[in-house]
Protein backbone atom coordinates (compact mmCIF):
# COMPACT_ATOMS: atom_id res chain seq x y z
CA MET A 1 -2.93 78.15 96.01
CA ASN A 2 -0.37 80.81 96.90
CA SER A 3 2.14 78.20 98.08
CA VAL A 4 1.76 76.25 94.82
CA ARG A 5 2.30 79.42 92.79
CA ILE A 6 5.37 80.38 94.82
CA ARG A 7 6.83 76.88 94.39
CA THR A 8 6.27 77.00 90.61
CA VAL A 9 7.93 80.39 90.30
CA ALA A 10 10.91 79.21 92.38
CA ILE A 11 11.42 76.15 90.18
CA THR A 12 11.21 78.28 87.02
CA VAL A 13 13.79 80.78 88.33
CA ALA A 14 16.16 78.00 89.41
CA ALA A 15 15.95 76.37 85.98
CA ALA A 16 16.59 79.69 84.24
CA LEU A 17 19.65 80.33 86.39
CA SER A 18 21.10 76.85 85.92
CA LEU A 19 20.81 76.83 82.12
CA PRO A 20 23.53 79.45 81.41
CA LEU A 21 25.81 77.74 83.93
CA SER A 22 25.36 74.37 82.23
CA LEU A 23 25.93 75.90 78.82
CA GLY A 24 29.11 77.54 80.12
CA ILE A 25 30.45 74.21 81.36
CA VAL A 26 29.69 72.47 78.07
CA THR A 27 31.31 75.30 76.08
CA ALA A 28 34.43 75.23 78.24
CA GLN A 29 34.72 71.45 77.87
CA ALA A 30 34.30 71.65 74.11
CA SER A 31 36.89 74.39 73.89
CA SER A 32 39.34 72.36 75.95
CA SER A 33 38.70 69.29 73.83
CA ASP A 34 39.20 71.24 70.59
CA SER A 35 42.47 72.80 71.74
CA SER A 36 44.13 69.63 73.01
CA PRO A 37 44.91 68.02 69.62
CA SER A 38 46.35 71.22 68.19
CA ALA A 39 48.54 71.69 71.25
CA THR A 40 49.77 68.14 70.89
CA ASN A 41 50.44 68.61 67.20
CA ALA A 42 52.33 71.84 67.85
CA ALA A 43 54.61 70.04 70.32
CA SER A 44 55.35 67.15 67.95
CA PRO A 45 58.25 67.74 65.53
CA SER A 46 57.41 67.39 61.86
CA ALA A 47 58.81 64.56 59.79
CA SER A 48 61.24 66.97 58.12
CA GLU A 49 62.83 67.71 61.51
CA GLN A 50 63.53 64.05 62.30
CA PRO A 51 66.77 62.21 61.47
CA PHE A 52 66.45 60.45 58.12
CA GLY A 53 68.38 58.15 55.83
CA PRO A 54 69.11 54.46 55.33
CA GLY A 55 71.82 54.44 57.97
CA CYS A 56 69.71 55.81 60.83
CA SER A 57 68.48 52.32 61.72
CA SER A 58 72.05 51.29 62.53
CA LEU A 59 72.45 53.96 65.21
CA PRO A 60 72.34 52.67 68.80
CA GLN A 61 68.89 52.96 70.34
CA SER A 62 70.33 54.50 73.51
CA GLY A 63 73.63 55.56 75.05
CA ASN A 64 76.71 56.80 73.21
CA GLY A 65 76.17 57.27 69.50
CA SER A 66 72.39 57.27 69.73
CA ALA A 67 70.40 60.20 68.38
CA ALA A 68 68.82 60.70 71.80
CA GLN A 69 72.22 61.00 73.50
CA MET A 70 73.73 63.22 70.79
CA ALA A 71 70.87 65.70 71.22
CA HIS A 72 72.16 66.48 74.73
CA GLU A 73 75.81 66.96 73.70
CA ASN A 74 77.76 69.58 71.77
CA VAL A 75 78.91 68.32 68.40
CA THR A 76 82.51 67.70 69.52
CA THR A 77 81.41 65.52 72.43
CA ALA A 78 78.83 63.76 70.25
CA VAL A 79 81.54 62.79 67.74
CA ASN A 80 83.94 61.71 70.50
CA ASN A 81 81.31 59.45 72.05
CA ASN A 82 80.24 57.79 68.79
CA PRO A 83 82.29 54.62 68.17
CA ASN A 84 81.55 54.77 64.43
CA LEU A 85 83.14 58.23 64.25
CA SER A 86 86.33 57.50 66.19
CA MET A 87 88.64 58.23 63.22
CA LEU A 88 86.95 61.60 62.75
CA ALA A 89 87.33 62.29 66.47
CA ASP A 90 91.06 61.51 66.29
CA ALA A 91 91.45 63.73 63.22
CA ILE A 92 89.75 66.62 65.02
CA LYS A 93 92.19 66.25 67.93
CA LYS A 94 95.16 66.33 65.55
CA THR A 95 94.10 69.69 64.14
CA ASP A 96 92.99 71.37 67.36
CA LEU A 97 89.56 71.99 65.87
CA ALA A 98 87.69 70.77 68.94
CA ASN A 99 87.20 74.27 70.36
CA THR A 100 86.14 75.60 66.95
CA LEU A 101 83.44 72.95 66.73
CA LYS A 102 82.35 73.52 70.32
CA GLY A 103 81.89 77.20 69.52
CA LEU A 104 79.57 76.59 66.58
CA LYS A 105 75.99 77.81 66.79
CA GLY A 106 73.19 76.72 64.49
CA SER A 107 75.60 74.99 62.10
CA THR A 108 75.92 71.74 60.13
CA VAL A 109 78.66 69.13 60.36
CA PHE A 110 79.08 66.35 57.78
CA ALA A 111 80.63 63.47 59.70
CA PRO A 112 82.48 60.71 57.79
CA THR A 113 82.30 57.27 59.39
CA ASN A 114 85.33 55.08 60.03
CA ASP A 115 84.37 53.07 56.95
CA ALA A 116 84.36 56.31 54.94
CA PHE A 117 87.99 56.97 55.87
CA ASN A 118 88.96 53.39 55.07
CA LYS A 119 87.31 53.59 51.64
CA LEU A 120 89.99 56.11 50.67
CA GLY A 121 92.55 53.34 50.72
CA THR A 122 95.57 53.23 52.97
CA ALA A 123 97.75 55.59 50.93
CA LYS A 124 95.15 58.38 50.52
CA ARG A 125 93.86 58.03 54.06
CA ASP A 126 97.32 58.27 55.59
CA ALA A 127 98.24 61.15 53.27
CA ILE A 128 95.32 63.12 54.67
CA LEU A 129 95.68 62.12 58.32
CA ASN A 130 99.44 62.73 58.44
CA ASP A 131 99.43 66.16 56.80
CA SER A 132 98.05 68.55 59.41
CA ALA A 133 97.54 71.44 56.99
CA GLN A 134 95.66 69.31 54.47
CA LEU A 135 93.73 67.54 57.23
CA LYS A 136 92.50 70.86 58.57
CA LYS A 137 91.33 71.88 55.09
CA VAL A 138 89.50 68.58 54.68
CA LEU A 139 87.81 68.75 58.09
CA THR A 140 86.71 72.37 57.77
CA TYR A 141 85.26 71.48 54.36
CA HIS A 142 82.82 69.26 56.30
CA VAL A 143 81.45 72.23 58.29
CA VAL A 144 78.79 74.71 57.18
CA GLU A 145 78.94 77.45 59.80
CA ASN A 146 75.88 79.36 61.04
CA LYS A 147 73.55 77.30 58.87
CA LYS A 148 71.47 74.32 59.96
CA ILE A 149 70.78 72.61 56.67
CA THR A 150 67.26 71.21 56.46
CA LYS A 151 66.05 68.22 54.48
CA ALA A 152 64.00 70.54 52.27
CA GLU A 153 67.21 72.28 51.11
CA LEU A 154 69.02 69.10 50.06
CA PRO A 155 67.53 68.35 46.60
CA HIS A 156 69.33 71.29 44.96
CA GLY A 157 71.61 72.60 47.71
CA THR A 158 74.79 74.65 47.43
CA PHE A 159 76.51 75.63 50.68
CA THR A 160 79.69 77.51 51.57
CA THR A 161 81.88 75.60 54.02
CA LEU A 162 84.13 76.78 56.81
CA GLU A 163 87.09 75.89 54.56
CA GLY A 164 85.84 78.47 52.03
CA SER A 165 84.85 76.23 49.14
CA THR A 166 81.29 75.18 48.35
CA LEU A 167 79.69 71.76 48.44
CA THR A 168 76.48 70.63 46.81
CA THR A 169 73.69 68.25 47.76
CA SER A 170 71.20 66.42 45.58
CA GLY A 171 68.59 63.67 45.75
CA SER A 172 65.01 63.09 46.88
CA GLY A 173 62.94 61.25 49.47
CA ASP A 174 65.37 59.94 52.07
CA SER A 175 68.20 59.38 49.59
CA PHE A 176 70.68 62.23 49.17
CA LYS A 177 74.29 62.67 48.13
CA VAL A 178 76.95 65.30 48.72
CA ASN A 179 78.91 66.51 45.70
CA GLY A 180 77.06 64.00 43.55
CA SER A 181 78.79 60.90 44.94
CA VAL A 182 78.95 60.72 48.74
CA PRO A 183 75.75 59.25 50.27
CA ILE A 184 74.18 60.74 53.37
CA ALA A 185 73.73 57.70 55.64
CA CYS A 186 71.80 59.48 58.37
CA GLY A 187 71.01 63.18 58.25
CA ASN A 188 69.66 65.88 60.51
CA ILE A 189 70.80 64.34 63.81
CA PRO A 190 70.51 67.14 66.38
CA THR A 191 73.22 68.12 68.83
CA GLN A 192 73.25 71.13 71.13
CA ASN A 193 74.95 73.39 68.60
CA ALA A 194 74.87 71.71 65.18
CA ALA A 195 72.99 69.28 62.97
CA VAL A 196 75.06 66.21 62.13
CA TYR A 197 74.88 64.49 58.75
CA ILE A 198 76.70 61.15 58.85
CA VAL A 199 78.19 60.46 55.41
CA ASP A 200 79.63 57.36 53.76
CA GLY A 201 82.60 59.14 52.23
CA VAL A 202 85.24 61.74 53.06
CA LEU A 203 84.55 65.10 51.42
CA VAL A 204 87.73 66.49 49.87
CA PRO A 205 87.75 70.18 48.90
CA PRO A 206 88.69 71.31 45.39
CA THR A 207 91.76 73.01 46.86
CA ALA A 208 93.21 69.72 48.16
CA THR A 209 96.64 68.69 46.96
CA PRO A 210 96.75 65.91 44.32
CA SER A 211 97.83 63.30 46.88
CA THR A 212 94.66 63.84 48.94
CA SER A 213 92.13 64.31 46.15
CA PRO A 214 89.68 61.46 45.43
CA SER A 215 90.99 61.01 41.87
CA ALA A 216 94.63 60.76 42.87
């Protein structure tokens, strides 16, 4: 009788001790399970932080000119390595702005494509590219220093450029324009020191000479 009673008591004590331990394991597992999705979500960039625009699909998937490659380069190198921005790269070299662009931090660069330069027509394009003073004004008008423009700011944006004049942005969804007429082909492409907005037109500041202005 005594041995049966001792065995019963031992089983009861063992069960009582194991219950809190089991509950602790279940609680820990549930906590871990609950926290995993939020941690994953926190690590994933929001849609507003991703490159956007109709021209993004034409970017290379890898290598030079791809968004993935540009993210590991400063903006000067990213432009130099992008074959669709070779005319911009050459213009930057003509004005010795490479070091200025390399020194940017948390800024925005509007980058005209080769097609954008050619849309000016031969006379206007050459007038800009062959006048170093005017070229510098045009290029610095494409830079918003110390300001990474976000997609949320584009619908009614007004920004002061490195040249000193302001530019505006407008639009909605994934379709935006600069100064009311120049489409953003692919925006918010990250580089190490600036966000790049590839544009389908050359932005000419209000202070440009008549020979380089869009209406000339």
